[in-house]
Amino acid sequence: MSDPAKVRRHAERVRELVASVVRSQIKDPRLGMITITDARITADLRDATVFYTVLGDAVAQADTAAALESAKGLLRSTVGKALGLRHSPTLTFVLDDVQDQVKHIDDLLAAARNADAEVQRLAARAEYAGEPQPYRVDDETDEADEATDADETPRGGEAR
């Protein structure tokens, strides 16, 4: 196994190299507004996964994926030469849908915020369902208990 720091350095270098080659050497018209966001490489330095985002709709994303697949040989040879490894890592391109997930989470948070505001609005004008004093209070039994307590005499030290 390789050193994790070395693997991270190689992954960062793969990301930089792929971004540079995509920007300068690939002239495929199907290639859209692409950003290479991340690259990960296995510990044996044989397989690299490159994450990218594309500005546009599903058609632009599909065209960009096809352009990257067709340029995979050029990208792999450039990465292999630049890294100086015995074996050039195979490249796999994965569409990074972070922006879609962020939008979905923002929508969920907005819906939760609206639901909380509605609950607060309903709670502000809510009233209790029962009587103001829900417990039974017997005024007569309290008075009777006090009267019997006063009639009893203390037993301590008194003659019978």
Protein backbone atom coordinates (compact mmCIF):
# COMPACT_ATOMS: atom_id res chain seq x y z
CA MET A 1 0.00 0.00 0.00
CA SER A 2 1.04 3.56 -0.61
CA ASP A 3 1.41 6.38 1.84
CA PRO A 4 -1.94 8.25 2.25
CA ALA A 5 -0.20 11.61 1.82
CA LYS A 6 1.31 10.40 -1.45
CA VAL A 7 -2.10 9.20 -2.63
CA ARG A 8 -3.63 12.60 -1.82
CA ARG A 9 -0.85 14.41 -3.70
CA HIS A 10 -1.34 12.19 -6.74
CA ALA A 11 -5.11 12.70 -6.63
CA GLU A 12 -4.67 16.47 -6.52
CA ARG A 13 -2.19 16.28 -9.39
CA VAL A 14 -4.63 14.17 -11.43
CA ARG A 15 -7.36 16.77 -10.87
CA GLU A 16 -5.05 19.60 -11.99
CA LEU A 17 -3.78 17.71 -15.03
CA VAL A 18 -7.24 16.70 -16.23
CA ALA A 19 -8.54 20.26 -15.79
CA SER A 20 -5.57 21.64 -17.71
CA VAL A 21 -5.89 19.18 -20.58
CA VAL A 22 -9.66 19.66 -20.83
CA ARG A 23 -9.19 23.43 -20.95
CA SER A 24 -6.30 23.53 -23.45
CA GLN A 25 -6.07 20.38 -25.58
CA ILE A 26 -9.55 18.92 -26.03
CA LYS A 27 -11.36 20.65 -28.87
CA ASP A 28 -14.50 18.51 -28.90
CA PRO A 29 -17.58 20.68 -29.63
CA ARG A 30 -19.68 18.46 -27.35
CA LEU A 31 -17.63 19.55 -24.35
CA GLY A 32 -19.72 22.04 -22.40
CA MET A 33 -18.91 24.43 -19.58
CA ILE A 34 -17.11 21.88 -17.42
CA THR A 35 -15.44 22.19 -14.02
CA ILE A 36 -13.29 19.43 -12.59
CA THR A 37 -14.27 19.42 -8.92
CA ASP A 38 -12.36 16.49 -7.42
CA ALA A 39 -10.24 13.45 -8.14
CA ARG A 40 -9.75 10.36 -6.06
CA ILE A 41 -7.19 7.65 -6.65
CA THR A 42 -6.98 4.18 -5.17
CA ALA A 43 -4.20 3.26 -2.75
CA ASP A 44 -2.43 1.16 -5.40
CA LEU A 45 -2.50 4.18 -7.79
CA ARG A 46 -4.16 2.14 -10.54
CA ASP A 47 -7.65 3.67 -10.72
CA ALA A 48 -8.58 7.34 -10.60
CA THR A 49 -12.10 8.74 -10.37
CA VAL A 50 -12.53 12.28 -11.64
CA PHE A 51 -15.61 14.25 -10.57
CA TYR A 52 -16.91 17.07 -12.74
CA THR A 53 -19.85 19.46 -13.02
CA VAL A 54 -21.41 20.83 -16.18
CA LEU A 55 -23.31 24.05 -16.59
CA GLY A 56 -26.48 23.33 -18.52
CA ASP A 57 -29.30 20.87 -18.90
CA ALA A 58 -29.31 17.08 -19.21
CA VAL A 59 -28.39 17.23 -22.92
CA ALA A 60 -25.26 19.29 -22.16
CA GLN A 61 -24.35 16.85 -19.39
CA ALA A 62 -24.76 13.85 -21.71
CA ASP A 63 -22.72 15.53 -24.48
CA THR A 64 -19.93 16.39 -22.05
CA ALA A 65 -19.88 12.83 -20.71
CA ALA A 66 -19.54 11.52 -24.27
CA ALA A 67 -16.73 14.00 -25.01
CA LEU A 68 -14.84 12.96 -21.88
CA GLU A 69 -15.21 9.27 -22.75
CA SER A 70 -13.83 9.89 -26.23
CA ALA A 71 -10.87 11.86 -24.84
CA LYS A 72 -10.12 9.33 -22.11
CA GLY A 73 -7.05 7.93 -23.93
CA LEU A 74 -5.42 11.33 -24.35
CA LEU A 75 -6.17 12.22 -20.72
CA ARG A 76 -4.83 8.91 -19.42
CA SER A 77 -1.57 9.16 -21.36
CA THR A 78 -1.04 12.77 -20.25
CA VAL A 79 -1.70 11.89 -16.61
CA GLY A 80 0.58 8.82 -16.81
CA LYS A 81 3.48 10.78 -18.28
CA ALA A 82 3.13 13.64 -15.80
CA LEU A 83 2.87 11.42 -12.72
CA GLY A 84 5.85 9.26 -13.74
CA LEU A 85 4.26 6.06 -12.45
CA ARG A 86 4.97 2.58 -13.76
CA HIS A 87 1.29 2.12 -14.63
CA SER A 88 -0.94 4.90 -15.82
CA PRO A 89 -4.12 5.01 -13.74
CA THR A 90 -7.39 4.27 -15.50
CA LEU A 91 -9.72 7.26 -15.46
CA THR A 92 -13.39 7.13 -14.60
CA PHE A 93 -15.50 10.25 -14.98
CA VAL A 94 -18.41 10.82 -12.61
CA LEU A 95 -20.89 13.68 -12.84
CA ASP A 96 -20.83 15.55 -9.54
CA ASP A 97 -24.41 16.55 -8.70
CA VAL A 98 -23.60 18.57 -5.59
CA GLN A 99 -25.45 21.63 -6.90
CA ASP A 100 -28.65 19.62 -7.39
CA GLN A 101 -28.37 18.22 -3.88
CA VAL A 102 -27.77 21.70 -2.44
CA LYS A 103 -30.87 23.01 -4.22
CA HIS A 104 -32.93 20.08 -2.92
CA ILE A 105 -31.74 20.64 0.67
CA ASP A 106 -32.48 24.38 0.38
CA ASP A 107 -36.00 23.56 -0.81
CA LEU A 108 -36.51 21.19 2.13
CA LEU A 109 -35.26 23.79 4.60
CA ALA A 110 -37.60 26.43 3.13
CA ALA A 111 -40.55 24.03 3.43
CA ALA A 112 -39.63 23.29 7.07
CA ARG A 113 -39.32 27.01 7.79
CA ASN A 114 -42.79 27.64 6.32
CA ALA A 115 -44.27 24.75 8.33
CA ASP A 116 -42.72 26.11 11.54
CA ALA A 117 -44.13 29.56 10.85
CA GLU A 118 -47.60 28.06 10.32
CA VAL A 119 -47.35 26.13 13.61
CA GLN A 120 -46.29 29.31 15.42
CA ARG A 121 -49.20 31.22 13.88
CA LEU A 122 -51.69 28.56 14.99
CA ALA A 123 -50.17 28.33 18.47
CA ALA A 124 -50.45 32.08 19.00
CA ARG A 125 -54.24 32.04 18.80
CA ALA A 126 -54.79 28.62 20.39
CA GLU A 127 -56.96 28.13 23.47
CA TYR A 128 -57.12 25.32 25.99
CA ALA A 129 -59.65 22.64 25.15
CA GLY A 130 -60.98 22.13 28.68
CA GLU A 131 -62.00 24.27 31.62
CA PRO A 132 -59.62 26.80 33.16
CA GLN A 133 -59.32 24.60 36.29
CA PRO A 134 -59.24 20.97 35.07
CA TYR A 135 -58.92 19.46 38.55
CA ARG A 136 -61.90 18.89 40.87
CA VAL A 137 -61.73 20.94 44.04
CA ASP A 138 -64.05 19.99 46.90
CA ASP A 139 -64.50 23.05 49.10
CA GLU A 140 -66.85 21.20 51.48
CA THR A 141 -64.44 18.36 52.28
CA ASP A 142 -61.58 20.79 52.94
CA GLU A 143 -63.69 22.67 55.52
CA ALA A 144 -64.78 19.41 57.19
CA ASP A 145 -61.16 18.21 57.47
CA GLU A 146 -60.14 21.47 59.14
CA ALA A 147 -62.99 21.20 61.68
CA THR A 148 -62.08 17.64 62.76
CA ASP A 149 -58.42 18.60 63.11
CA ALA A 150 -59.36 21.39 65.58
CA ASP A 151 -61.52 19.07 67.78
CA GLU A 152 -58.78 16.53 68.42
CA THR A 153 -56.62 17.06 71.48
CA PRO A 154 -52.95 16.30 71.55
CA ARG A 155 -52.00 13.06 73.32
CA GLY A 156 -48.56 13.94 74.49
CA GLY A 157 -48.20 14.06 78.31
CA GLU A 158 -51.87 14.62 79.14
CA ALA A 159 -53.67 12.52 81.83
CA ARG A 160 -56.65 10.46 80.90
